[in-house]
Amino acid sequence: MFGKTILNSDFYPNPKRYCKCVREVHRAFTKYLDKRGGHHEAEISAQIGKTFLWRILEVRDIICLILEWDNAYRYRFQDVITLLDKAAFIKNPRKEINRLLDILISRENRTGMKEQWIRIRKMSNLGMIFIRIFGKKYWEVVEEIILELNINELGFEIDDEYWCDVRDDYNFRGIDHKVNKEDIKVEMITNHPH
């Protein structure tokens, strides 16, 4: 409930200015809201804490802010979400989410972050069980939004790839960061000689 209840709504950037990946996440959430009569965000925002749609709106904005402003989380999200198998997700959502988290954990190079992702995996399992039992309405939101995502819009753009390739804290695309650094040097010299 940190979002617009604490911060002035002017703090939130215009979604049109989000990077491509975050625009797609925003679009999927917004489509969910629109289908349920939530196309008047100002009216939803005025009902602070009172409606189900208000909670979804707040979650959307918080997720988008985190992904937009924290590259470390966004790049990791982009790296694994593009591996999402929607058919496997429909069949067994928990198993598919765990598979993606396992990939993320295996690519992490920093011990502290690896431990954090392991804890997040455990918490997400408990959360998925709890929500599916006690909050079916919320689980339906999660499923619908994930299935609405256009995976092609979530991947790395060329500038994202450059910044990911020079990082050593995570093996993006499953490629060892040392190999990435050599590849990016060759690519930059060959394709961008200035």
N, C-alpha and C. Protein backbone atom coordinates (compact mmCIF):
# COMPACT_ATOMS: atom_id res chain seq x y z
N MET A 1 0.82 -1.20 0.00
CA MET A 1 0.00 0.00 0.00
C MET A 1 0.86 1.26 0.00
N PHE A 2 2.12 1.11 -0.40
CA PHE A 2 3.05 2.22 -0.35
C PHE A 2 2.77 3.24 -1.44
N GLY A 3 2.39 2.78 -2.60
CA GLY A 3 2.21 3.57 -3.81
C GLY A 3 1.65 4.95 -3.66
N LYS A 4 0.55 5.20 -4.32
CA LYS A 4 -0.03 6.53 -4.41
C LYS A 4 -0.59 7.03 -3.09
N THR A 5 -0.77 6.15 -2.11
CA THR A 5 -1.27 6.61 -0.82
C THR A 5 -0.22 7.41 -0.08
N ILE A 6 1.06 7.11 -0.30
CA ILE A 6 2.15 7.82 0.36
C ILE A 6 2.74 8.88 -0.55
N LEU A 7 2.99 8.50 -1.79
CA LEU A 7 3.66 9.39 -2.72
C LEU A 7 2.65 10.16 -3.56
N ASN A 8 3.02 11.34 -3.92
CA ASN A 8 2.20 12.14 -4.82
C ASN A 8 2.14 11.42 -6.16
N SER A 9 0.99 11.42 -6.80
CA SER A 9 0.85 10.71 -8.07
C SER A 9 1.75 11.31 -9.15
N ASP A 10 2.25 12.52 -8.94
CA ASP A 10 3.18 13.10 -9.91
C ASP A 10 4.51 12.36 -9.95
N PHE A 11 4.78 11.58 -8.90
CA PHE A 11 6.02 10.81 -8.83
C PHE A 11 6.06 9.73 -9.90
N TYR A 12 4.90 9.20 -10.25
CA TYR A 12 4.83 8.10 -11.20
C TYR A 12 5.08 8.63 -12.61
N PRO A 13 6.04 8.01 -13.31
CA PRO A 13 6.29 8.48 -14.68
C PRO A 13 5.16 8.09 -15.62
N ASN A 14 5.12 8.75 -16.73
CA ASN A 14 4.15 8.42 -17.77
C ASN A 14 4.50 7.04 -18.31
N PRO A 15 3.57 6.08 -18.30
CA PRO A 15 3.87 4.73 -18.79
C PRO A 15 4.40 4.69 -20.22
N LYS A 16 4.08 5.70 -21.02
CA LYS A 16 4.60 5.74 -22.39
C LYS A 16 6.12 5.91 -22.40
N ARG A 17 6.66 6.39 -21.29
CA ARG A 17 8.11 6.61 -21.20
C ARG A 17 8.85 5.43 -20.58
N TYR A 18 8.12 4.42 -20.14
CA TYR A 18 8.77 3.21 -19.63
C TYR A 18 9.54 2.53 -20.75
N CYS A 19 10.51 1.72 -20.37
CA CYS A 19 11.20 0.91 -21.37
C CYS A 19 10.20 -0.11 -21.94
N LYS A 20 10.55 -0.72 -23.05
CA LYS A 20 9.63 -1.62 -23.76
C LYS A 20 9.11 -2.74 -22.86
N CYS A 21 9.97 -3.35 -22.11
CA CYS A 21 9.59 -4.46 -21.22
C CYS A 21 8.55 -4.02 -20.19
N VAL A 22 8.79 -2.90 -19.56
CA VAL A 22 7.88 -2.42 -18.52
C VAL A 22 6.57 -1.93 -19.12
N ARG A 23 6.62 -1.35 -20.31
CA ARG A 23 5.37 -0.98 -21.00
C ARG A 23 4.50 -2.20 -21.22
N GLU A 24 5.12 -3.33 -21.54
CA GLU A 24 4.35 -4.56 -21.78
C GLU A 24 3.73 -5.07 -20.48
N VAL A 25 4.46 -5.03 -19.39
CA VAL A 25 3.90 -5.43 -18.09
C VAL A 25 2.73 -4.51 -17.74
N HIS A 26 2.92 -3.21 -17.92
CA HIS A 26 1.88 -2.22 -17.65
C HIS A 26 0.65 -2.50 -18.52
N ARG A 27 0.87 -2.79 -19.80
CA ARG A 27 -0.22 -3.07 -20.72
C ARG A 27 -1.03 -4.29 -20.29
N ALA A 28 -0.36 -5.35 -19.87
CA ALA A 28 -1.06 -6.58 -19.46
C ALA A 28 -1.92 -6.32 -18.23
N PHE A 29 -1.38 -5.60 -17.25
CA PHE A 29 -2.17 -5.24 -16.06
C PHE A 29 -3.35 -4.36 -16.44
N THR A 30 -3.09 -3.36 -17.29
CA THR A 30 -4.13 -2.41 -17.68
C THR A 30 -5.24 -3.11 -18.44
N LYS A 31 -4.89 -4.06 -19.29
CA LYS A 31 -5.92 -4.81 -20.02
C LYS A 31 -6.80 -5.56 -19.03
N TYR A 32 -6.19 -6.15 -18.00
CA TYR A 32 -6.97 -6.84 -16.98
C TYR A 32 -7.95 -5.86 -16.32
N LEU A 33 -7.46 -4.68 -15.95
CA LEU A 33 -8.31 -3.67 -15.30
C LEU A 33 -9.42 -3.21 -16.24
N ASP A 34 -9.08 -2.96 -17.50
CA ASP A 34 -10.07 -2.49 -18.47
C ASP A 34 -11.21 -3.49 -18.66
N LYS A 35 -10.87 -4.78 -18.68
CA LYS A 35 -11.90 -5.82 -18.86
C LYS A 35 -12.91 -5.82 -17.72
N ARG A 36 -12.51 -5.30 -16.58
CA ARG A 36 -13.38 -5.29 -15.41
C ARG A 36 -13.92 -3.91 -15.10
N GLY A 37 -13.93 -3.06 -16.10
CA GLY A 37 -14.50 -1.73 -15.92
C GLY A 37 -13.58 -0.76 -15.24
N GLY A 38 -12.30 -1.06 -15.23
CA GLY A 38 -11.35 -0.19 -14.55
C GLY A 38 -10.62 0.76 -15.47
N HIS A 39 -11.26 1.13 -16.57
CA HIS A 39 -10.59 2.00 -17.53
C HIS A 39 -10.54 3.46 -17.09
N HIS A 40 -11.14 3.77 -15.98
CA HIS A 40 -11.05 5.13 -15.43
C HIS A 40 -10.17 5.08 -14.19
N GLU A 41 -8.86 5.12 -14.42
CA GLU A 41 -7.91 4.96 -13.32
C GLU A 41 -8.07 6.02 -12.24
N ALA A 42 -8.46 7.21 -12.61
CA ALA A 42 -8.65 8.26 -11.60
C ALA A 42 -9.73 7.87 -10.60
N GLU A 43 -10.81 7.25 -11.10
CA GLU A 43 -11.88 6.81 -10.21
C GLU A 43 -11.41 5.68 -9.30
N ILE A 44 -10.62 4.76 -9.85
CA ILE A 44 -10.09 3.65 -9.03
C ILE A 44 -9.16 4.22 -7.96
N SER A 45 -8.28 5.14 -8.35
CA SER A 45 -7.32 5.72 -7.40
C SER A 45 -8.02 6.46 -6.27
N ALA A 46 -9.17 7.04 -6.54
CA ALA A 46 -9.91 7.79 -5.52
C ALA A 46 -10.52 6.87 -4.46
N GLN A 47 -10.60 5.59 -4.76
CA GLN A 47 -11.20 4.63 -3.82
C GLN A 47 -10.12 3.92 -3.00
N ILE A 48 -9.16 4.68 -2.50
CA ILE A 48 -7.99 4.14 -1.83
C ILE A 48 -8.34 3.02 -0.86
N GLY A 49 -7.77 1.85 -1.14
CA GLY A 49 -7.91 0.70 -0.26
C GLY A 49 -9.28 0.06 -0.21
N LYS A 50 -10.23 0.56 -0.98
CA LYS A 50 -11.60 0.09 -0.84
C LYS A 50 -12.01 -0.98 -1.84
N THR A 51 -11.31 -1.07 -2.94
CA THR A 51 -11.77 -1.99 -3.98
C THR A 51 -10.67 -2.94 -4.41
N PHE A 52 -11.10 -4.04 -4.96
CA PHE A 52 -10.20 -5.04 -5.52
C PHE A 52 -9.39 -4.44 -6.66
N LEU A 53 -10.05 -3.69 -7.54
CA LEU A 53 -9.35 -3.09 -8.67
C LEU A 53 -8.30 -2.08 -8.21
N TRP A 54 -8.57 -1.37 -7.11
CA TRP A 54 -7.58 -0.43 -6.59
C TRP A 54 -6.31 -1.18 -6.19
N ARG A 55 -6.47 -2.34 -5.56
CA ARG A 55 -5.30 -3.12 -5.16
C ARG A 55 -4.50 -3.57 -6.38
N ILE A 56 -5.18 -4.00 -7.42
CA ILE A 56 -4.50 -4.43 -8.65
C ILE A 56 -3.76 -3.25 -9.28
N LEU A 57 -4.40 -2.09 -9.30
CA LEU A 57 -3.78 -0.87 -9.83
C LEU A 57 -2.50 -0.54 -9.06
N GLU A 58 -2.55 -0.62 -7.75
CA GLU A 58 -1.38 -0.33 -6.92
C GLU A 58 -0.26 -1.34 -7.17
N VAL A 59 -0.61 -2.61 -7.25
CA VAL A 59 0.40 -3.65 -7.51
C VAL A 59 1.05 -3.40 -8.87
N ARG A 60 0.23 -3.07 -9.87
CA ARG A 60 0.77 -2.77 -11.21
C ARG A 60 1.80 -1.65 -11.14
N ASP A 61 1.43 -0.56 -10.49
CA ASP A 61 2.31 0.60 -10.44
C ASP A 61 3.60 0.32 -9.67
N ILE A 62 3.51 -0.42 -8.60
CA ILE A 62 4.70 -0.75 -7.81
C ILE A 62 5.62 -1.68 -8.60
N ILE A 63 5.07 -2.70 -9.23
CA ILE A 63 5.89 -3.61 -10.03
C ILE A 63 6.56 -2.84 -11.17
N CYS A 64 5.80 -1.99 -11.84
CA CYS A 64 6.37 -1.22 -12.95
C CYS A 64 7.47 -0.29 -12.47
N LEU A 65 7.28 0.35 -11.34
CA LEU A 65 8.33 1.24 -10.81
C LEU A 65 9.59 0.47 -10.48
N ILE A 66 9.45 -0.68 -9.84
CA ILE A 66 10.63 -1.48 -9.50
C ILE A 66 11.36 -1.91 -10.76
N LEU A 67 10.62 -2.43 -11.74
CA LEU A 67 11.25 -2.90 -12.96
C LEU A 67 11.86 -1.75 -13.76
N GLU A 68 11.22 -0.60 -13.76
CA GLU A 68 11.73 0.54 -14.53
C GLU A 68 12.98 1.13 -13.90
N TRP A 69 13.00 1.24 -12.57
CA TRP A 69 14.07 1.98 -11.91
C TRP A 69 15.18 1.12 -11.34
N ASP A 70 15.01 -0.18 -11.29
CA ASP A 70 16.07 -1.04 -10.76
C ASP A 70 16.51 -2.02 -11.85
N ASN A 71 17.57 -1.64 -12.55
CA ASN A 71 18.03 -2.44 -13.68
C ASN A 71 18.42 -3.86 -13.28
N ALA A 72 18.99 -4.03 -12.11
CA ALA A 72 19.40 -5.38 -11.69
C ALA A 72 18.21 -6.33 -11.67
N TYR A 73 17.10 -5.88 -11.12
CA TYR A 73 15.91 -6.73 -11.10
C TYR A 73 15.28 -6.84 -12.49
N ARG A 74 15.22 -5.74 -13.23
CA ARG A 74 14.60 -5.78 -14.56
C ARG A 74 15.37 -6.71 -15.48
N TYR A 75 16.69 -6.60 -15.49
CA TYR A 75 17.46 -7.45 -16.40
C TYR A 75 17.30 -8.93 -16.06
N ARG A 76 17.27 -9.25 -14.79
CA ARG A 76 17.06 -10.65 -14.40
C ARG A 76 15.65 -11.11 -14.78
N PHE A 77 14.67 -10.24 -14.55
CA PHE A 77 13.29 -10.54 -14.95
C PHE A 77 13.23 -10.81 -16.45
N GLN A 78 13.83 -9.91 -17.24
CA GLN A 78 13.82 -10.07 -18.69
C GLN A 78 14.50 -11.36 -19.12
N ASP A 79 15.58 -11.69 -18.45
CA ASP A 79 16.34 -12.88 -18.81
C ASP A 79 15.51 -14.15 -18.64
N VAL A 80 14.75 -14.26 -17.55
CA VAL A 80 14.01 -15.51 -17.32
C VAL A 80 12.58 -15.48 -17.86
N ILE A 81 11.93 -14.34 -17.89
CA ILE A 81 10.52 -14.32 -18.32
C ILE A 81 10.40 -14.69 -19.79
N THR A 82 11.44 -14.43 -20.57
CA THR A 82 11.40 -14.80 -21.98
C THR A 82 11.47 -16.32 -22.18
N LEU A 83 11.79 -17.04 -21.13
CA LEU A 83 11.84 -18.50 -21.18
C LEU A 83 10.53 -19.14 -20.72
N LEU A 84 9.56 -18.29 -20.37
CA LEU A 84 8.27 -18.78 -19.91
C LEU A 84 7.60 -19.65 -20.97
N ASP A 85 7.18 -20.83 -20.57
CA ASP A 85 6.42 -21.74 -21.43
C ASP A 85 4.97 -21.62 -20.99
N LYS A 86 4.16 -20.91 -21.78
CA LYS A 86 2.77 -20.65 -21.36
C LYS A 86 1.95 -21.93 -21.27
N ALA A 87 2.23 -22.90 -22.13
CA ALA A 87 1.50 -24.18 -22.05
C ALA A 87 1.83 -24.89 -20.74
N ALA A 88 3.10 -24.88 -20.35
CA ALA A 88 3.50 -25.48 -19.07
C ALA A 88 2.91 -24.70 -17.90
N PHE A 89 2.83 -23.37 -18.06
CA PHE A 89 2.25 -22.54 -17.00
C PHE A 89 0.78 -22.87 -16.80
N ILE A 90 0.04 -23.05 -17.89
CA ILE A 90 -1.38 -23.40 -17.79
C ILE A 90 -1.55 -24.75 -17.10
N LYS A 91 -0.70 -25.69 -17.47
CA LYS A 91 -0.78 -27.05 -16.92
C LYS A 91 -0.43 -27.08 -15.44
N ASN A 92 0.66 -26.40 -15.06
CA ASN A 92 1.12 -26.41 -13.66
C ASN A 92 1.89 -25.11 -13.38
N PRO A 93 1.17 -24.05 -12.99
CA PRO A 93 1.80 -22.74 -12.81
C PRO A 93 2.96 -22.75 -11.80
N ARG A 94 2.77 -23.45 -10.70
CA ARG A 94 3.81 -23.47 -9.66
C ARG A 94 5.09 -24.12 -10.18
N LYS A 95 4.95 -25.19 -10.90
CA LYS A 95 6.11 -25.89 -11.45
C LYS A 95 6.85 -25.00 -12.46
N GLU A 96 6.11 -24.29 -13.30
CA GLU A 96 6.73 -23.44 -14.31
C GLU A 96 7.42 -22.23 -13.65
N ILE A 97 6.79 -21.63 -12.67
CA ILE A 97 7.43 -20.50 -11.97
C ILE A 97 8.68 -20.97 -11.24
N ASN A 98 8.63 -22.15 -10.62
CA ASN A 98 9.82 -22.70 -9.97
C ASN A 98 10.93 -22.99 -10.97
N ARG A 99 10.56 -23.46 -12.15
CA ARG A 99 11.57 -23.72 -13.18
C ARG A 99 12.30 -22.41 -13.55
N LEU A 100 11.53 -21.33 -13.72
CA LEU A 100 12.14 -20.04 -14.05
C LEU A 100 13.02 -19.54 -12.91
N LEU A 101 12.55 -19.68 -11.68
CA LEU A 101 13.36 -19.25 -10.54
C LEU A 101 14.62 -20.10 -10.41
N ASP A 102 14.55 -21.37 -10.71
CA ASP A 102 15.74 -22.23 -10.68
C ASP A 102 16.76 -21.79 -11.72
N ILE A 103 16.29 -21.40 -12.89
CA ILE A 103 17.20 -20.88 -13.92
C ILE A 103 17.86 -19.61 -13.42
N LEU A 104 17.06 -18.71 -12.86
CA LEU A 104 17.59 -17.45 -12.33
C LEU A 104 18.65 -17.73 -11.26
N ILE A 105 18.35 -18.63 -10.34
CA ILE A 105 19.29 -18.96 -9.26
C ILE A 105 20.58 -19.54 -9.84
N SER A 106 20.46 -20.40 -10.84
CA SER A 106 21.66 -21.03 -11.41
C SER A 106 22.55 -20.03 -12.14
N ARG A 107 21.99 -18.93 -12.61
CA ARG A 107 22.76 -17.93 -13.35
C ARG A 107 23.34 -16.85 -12.46
N GLU A 108 22.94 -16.81 -11.22
CA GLU A 108 23.40 -15.78 -10.29
C GLU A 108 24.84 -16.06 -9.88
N ASN A 109 25.68 -15.02 -9.89
CA ASN A 109 27.10 -15.18 -9.54
C ASN A 109 27.43 -14.73 -8.12
N ARG A 110 26.59 -13.96 -7.52
CA ARG A 110 26.86 -13.44 -6.18
C ARG A 110 26.15 -14.31 -5.14
N THR A 111 26.89 -14.77 -4.15
CA THR A 111 26.34 -15.65 -3.12
C THR A 111 25.15 -15.03 -2.42
N GLY A 112 25.26 -13.77 -2.01
CA GLY A 112 24.17 -13.11 -1.31
C GLY A 112 22.89 -13.05 -2.13
N MET A 113 23.03 -12.73 -3.42
CA MET A 113 21.85 -12.68 -4.29
C MET A 113 21.29 -14.07 -4.53
N LYS A 114 22.17 -15.05 -4.68
CA LYS A 114 21.71 -16.43 -4.89
C LYS A 114 20.87 -16.87 -3.69
N GLU A 115 21.35 -16.56 -2.48
CA GLU A 115 20.61 -16.90 -1.27
C GLU A 115 19.27 -16.16 -1.21
N GLN A 116 19.27 -14.90 -1.64
CA GLN A 116 18.03 -14.12 -1.66
C GLN A 116 17.02 -14.76 -2.61
N TRP A 117 17.45 -15.18 -3.80
CA TRP A 117 16.53 -15.80 -4.76
C TRP A 117 16.02 -17.14 -4.24
N ILE A 118 16.85 -17.87 -3.51
CA ILE A 118 16.39 -19.14 -2.92
C ILE A 118 15.29 -18.86 -1.91
N ARG A 119 15.47 -17.83 -1.09
CA ARG A 119 14.41 -17.45 -0.12
C ARG A 119 13.15 -17.00 -0.86
N ILE A 120 13.32 -16.22 -1.91
CA ILE A 120 12.15 -15.76 -2.69
C ILE A 120 11.43 -16.95 -3.30
N ARG A 121 12.17 -17.94 -3.78
CA ARG A 121 11.55 -19.15 -4.34
C ARG A 121 10.71 -19.86 -3.28
N LYS A 122 11.25 -20.00 -2.08
CA LYS A 122 10.50 -20.65 -0.99
C LYS A 122 9.25 -19.85 -0.64
N MET A 123 9.40 -18.52 -0.54
CA MET A 123 8.25 -17.68 -0.20
C MET A 123 7.21 -17.70 -1.31
N SER A 124 7.65 -17.73 -2.56
CA SER A 124 6.68 -17.74 -3.67
C SER A 124 5.91 -19.05 -3.68
N ASN A 125 6.56 -20.15 -3.31
CA ASN A 125 5.84 -21.43 -3.22
C ASN A 125 4.76 -21.37 -2.16
N LEU A 126 5.11 -20.84 -1.00
CA LEU A 126 4.11 -20.69 0.06
C LEU A 126 3.00 -19.74 -0.37
N GLY A 127 3.39 -18.64 -1.01
CA GLY A 127 2.40 -17.67 -1.48
C GLY A 127 1.46 -18.25 -2.52
N MET A 128 2.02 -19.04 -3.45
CA MET A 128 1.17 -19.64 -4.49
C MET A 128 0.18 -20.63 -3.88
N ILE A 129 0.66 -21.41 -2.91
CA ILE A 129 -0.25 -22.37 -2.25
C ILE A 129 -1.34 -21.61 -1.50
N PHE A 130 -0.95 -20.59 -0.74
CA PHE A 130 -1.90 -19.81 0.05
C PHE A 130 -2.94 -19.13 -0.85
N ILE A 131 -2.46 -18.48 -1.90
CA ILE A 131 -3.37 -17.75 -2.79
C ILE A 131 -4.33 -18.71 -3.50
N ARG A 132 -3.82 -19.84 -3.94
CA ARG A 132 -4.69 -20.79 -4.65
C ARG A 132 -5.77 -21.36 -3.73
N ILE A 133 -5.47 -21.46 -2.44
CA ILE A 133 -6.45 -22.00 -1.50
C ILE A 133 -7.39 -20.91 -0.99
N PHE A 134 -6.83 -19.80 -0.54
CA PHE A 134 -7.62 -18.77 0.15
C PHE A 134 -7.94 -17.54 -0.69
N GLY A 135 -7.28 -17.37 -1.79
CA GLY A 135 -7.50 -16.16 -2.58
C GLY A 135 -7.61 -16.45 -4.06
N LYS A 136 -8.54 -17.32 -4.40
CA LYS A 136 -8.68 -17.72 -5.81
C LYS A 136 -8.83 -16.51 -6.73
N LYS A 137 -9.49 -15.48 -6.26
CA LYS A 137 -9.68 -14.28 -7.07
C LYS A 137 -8.32 -13.67 -7.45
N TYR A 138 -7.39 -13.65 -6.49
CA TYR A 138 -6.06 -13.09 -6.76
C TYR A 138 -5.26 -14.01 -7.67
N TRP A 139 -5.40 -15.33 -7.49
CA TRP A 139 -4.68 -16.25 -8.35
C TRP A 139 -5.13 -16.11 -9.80
N GLU A 140 -6.42 -15.89 -10.01
CA GLU A 140 -6.94 -15.69 -11.36
C GLU A 140 -6.33 -14.44 -11.99
N VAL A 141 -6.08 -13.42 -11.19
CA VAL A 141 -5.44 -12.20 -11.69
C VAL A 141 -4.03 -12.54 -12.17
N VAL A 142 -3.28 -13.24 -11.33
CA VAL A 142 -1.90 -13.60 -11.68
C VAL A 142 -1.89 -14.40 -12.98
N GLU A 143 -2.73 -15.41 -13.06
CA GLU A 143 -2.76 -16.25 -14.26
C GLU A 143 -3.12 -15.44 -15.50
N GLU A 144 -4.16 -14.64 -15.41
CA GLU A 144 -4.61 -13.87 -16.58
C GLU A 144 -3.55 -12.89 -17.05
N ILE A 145 -2.90 -12.21 -16.11
CA ILE A 145 -1.89 -11.21 -16.50
C ILE A 145 -0.67 -11.90 -17.11
N ILE A 146 -0.22 -12.99 -16.51
CA ILE A 146 0.94 -13.70 -17.07
C ILE A 146 0.63 -14.22 -18.47
N LEU A 147 -0.56 -14.78 -18.65
CA LEU A 147 -0.92 -15.30 -19.97
C LEU A 147 -1.12 -14.19 -21.00
N GLU A 148 -1.45 -13.00 -20.55
CA GLU A 148 -1.64 -11.86 -21.45
C GLU A 148 -0.30 -11.30 -21.94
N LEU A 149 0.77 -11.49 -21.19
CA LEU A 149 2.06 -10.92 -21.57
C LEU A 149 2.51 -11.41 -22.94
N ASN A 150 2.99 -10.49 -23.75
CA ASN A 150 3.60 -10.83 -25.03
C ASN A 150 5.09 -11.02 -24.77
N ILE A 151 5.52 -12.27 -24.76
CA ILE A 151 6.91 -12.60 -24.42
C ILE A 151 7.90 -11.88 -25.33
N ASN A 152 7.54 -11.68 -26.59
CA ASN A 152 8.45 -11.00 -27.54
C ASN A 152 8.71 -9.54 -27.15
N GLU A 153 7.81 -8.95 -26.41
CA GLU A 153 7.98 -7.56 -25.98
C GLU A 153 8.78 -7.44 -24.69
N LEU A 154 9.07 -8.56 -24.05
CA LEU A 154 9.72 -8.54 -22.75
C LEU A 154 11.23 -8.73 -22.82
N GLY A 155 11.73 -9.15 -23.97
CA GLY A 155 13.15 -9.46 -24.10
C GLY A 155 14.04 -8.22 -24.09
N PHE A 156 15.32 -8.49 -24.16
CA PHE A 156 16.32 -7.42 -24.15
C PHE A 156 16.30 -6.63 -25.46
N GLU A 157 16.46 -5.33 -25.32
CA GLU A 157 16.73 -4.49 -26.47
C GLU A 157 18.25 -4.45 -26.63
N ILE A 158 18.75 -3.94 -27.73
CA ILE A 158 20.18 -3.98 -28.00
C ILE A 158 20.98 -3.24 -26.92
N ASP A 159 20.47 -2.11 -26.43
CA ASP A 159 21.20 -1.39 -25.38
C ASP A 159 21.17 -2.16 -24.06
N ASP A 160 20.07 -2.88 -23.79
CA ASP A 160 20.02 -3.73 -22.60
C ASP A 160 21.08 -4.83 -22.70
N GLU A 161 21.20 -5.43 -23.87
CA GLU A 161 22.18 -6.50 -24.07
C GLU A 161 23.59 -6.00 -23.79
N TYR A 162 23.89 -4.80 -24.25
CA TYR A 162 25.22 -4.25 -24.00
C TYR A 162 25.49 -4.16 -22.50
N TRP A 163 24.56 -3.56 -21.75
CA TRP A 163 24.77 -3.39 -20.32
C TRP A 163 24.79 -4.72 -19.57
N CYS A 164 24.01 -5.67 -20.04
CA CYS A 164 24.02 -7.00 -19.41
C CYS A 164 25.34 -7.71 -19.67
N ASP A 165 25.85 -7.57 -20.87
CA ASP A 165 27.07 -8.28 -21.24
C ASP A 165 28.30 -7.81 -20.46
N VAL A 166 28.31 -6.59 -19.99
CA VAL A 166 29.48 -6.12 -19.24
C VAL A 166 29.34 -6.31 -17.73
N ARG A 167 28.21 -6.82 -17.29
CA ARG A 167 28.00 -7.07 -15.86
C ARG A 167 28.61 -8.43 -15.49
N ASP A 168 29.14 -8.52 -14.28
CA ASP A 168 29.71 -9.80 -13.85
C ASP A 168 28.94 -10.46 -12.70
N ASP A 169 27.81 -9.87 -12.34
CA ASP A 169 27.06 -10.40 -11.20
C ASP A 169 26.04 -11.47 -11.57
N TYR A 170 25.84 -11.69 -12.88
CA TYR A 170 24.80 -12.61 -13.33
C TYR A 170 25.16 -13.06 -14.75
N ASN A 171 24.92 -14.32 -15.06
CA ASN A 171 25.21 -14.86 -16.39
C ASN A 171 23.97 -14.76 -17.28
N PHE A 172 23.81 -13.60 -17.91
CA PHE A 172 22.64 -13.36 -18.75
C PHE A 172 22.62 -14.32 -19.93
N ARG A 173 21.42 -14.78 -20.26
CA ARG A 173 21.19 -15.75 -21.33
C ARG A 173 21.95 -17.05 -21.10
N GLY A 174 22.41 -17.27 -19.86
CA GLY A 174 23.12 -18.50 -19.52
C GLY A 174 24.55 -18.53 -20.01
N ILE A 175 25.07 -17.39 -20.43
CA ILE A 175 26.44 -17.32 -20.95
C ILE A 175 27.33 -16.73 -19.86
N ASP A 176 28.44 -17.38 -19.61
CA ASP A 176 29.38 -16.90 -18.60
C ASP A 176 29.76 -15.46 -18.89
N HIS A 177 29.77 -14.62 -17.86
CA HIS A 177 30.02 -13.18 -18.06
C HIS A 177 31.39 -12.90 -18.67
N LYS A 178 32.38 -13.78 -18.46
CA LYS A 178 33.71 -13.57 -19.05
C LYS A 178 33.63 -13.72 -20.57
N VAL A 179 32.86 -14.68 -21.04
CA VAL A 179 32.66 -14.85 -22.48
C VAL A 179 31.92 -13.65 -23.04
N ASN A 180 30.89 -13.18 -22.32
CA ASN A 180 30.13 -12.01 -22.77
C ASN A 180 31.03 -10.80 -22.97
N LYS A 181 31.96 -10.56 -22.05
CA LYS A 181 32.82 -9.38 -22.15
C LYS A 181 33.68 -9.45 -23.41
N GLU A 182 34.20 -10.61 -23.73
CA GLU A 182 35.02 -10.75 -24.94
C GLU A 182 34.16 -10.56 -26.19
N ASP A 183 32.97 -11.16 -26.20
CA ASP A 183 32.07 -11.02 -27.35
C ASP A 183 31.68 -9.57 -27.58
N ILE A 184 31.39 -8.85 -26.51
CA ILE A 184 30.93 -7.47 -26.66
C ILE A 184 32.07 -6.58 -27.16
N LYS A 185 33.31 -6.85 -26.75
CA LYS A 185 34.45 -6.08 -27.26
C LYS A 185 34.58 -6.27 -28.77
N VAL A 186 34.52 -7.51 -29.22
CA VAL A 186 34.62 -7.80 -30.65
C VAL A 186 33.47 -7.15 -31.41
N GLU A 187 32.24 -7.29 -30.88
CA GLU A 187 31.06 -6.73 -31.55
C GLU A 187 31.16 -5.21 -31.62
N MET A 188 31.59 -4.56 -30.55
CA MET A 188 31.67 -3.10 -30.53
C MET A 188 32.73 -2.60 -31.50
N ILE A 189 33.86 -3.29 -31.57
CA ILE A 189 34.92 -2.87 -32.48
C ILE A 189 34.49 -3.08 -33.92
N THR A 190 33.83 -4.22 -34.19
CA THR A 190 33.43 -4.56 -35.56
C THR A 190 32.28 -3.68 -36.05
N ASN A 191 31.26 -3.51 -35.24
CA ASN A 191 30.04 -2.83 -35.69
C ASN A 191 29.94 -1.36 -35.32
N HIS A 192 30.78 -0.91 -34.41
CA HIS A 192 30.70 0.48 -33.95
C HIS A 192 32.14 1.03 -33.83
N PRO A 193 32.81 1.23 -34.95
CA PRO A 193 34.24 1.61 -34.91
C PRO A 193 34.54 3.01 -34.38
N HIS A 194 33.54 3.87 -34.23
CA HIS A 194 33.84 5.23 -33.78
C HIS A 194 34.15 5.19 -32.35
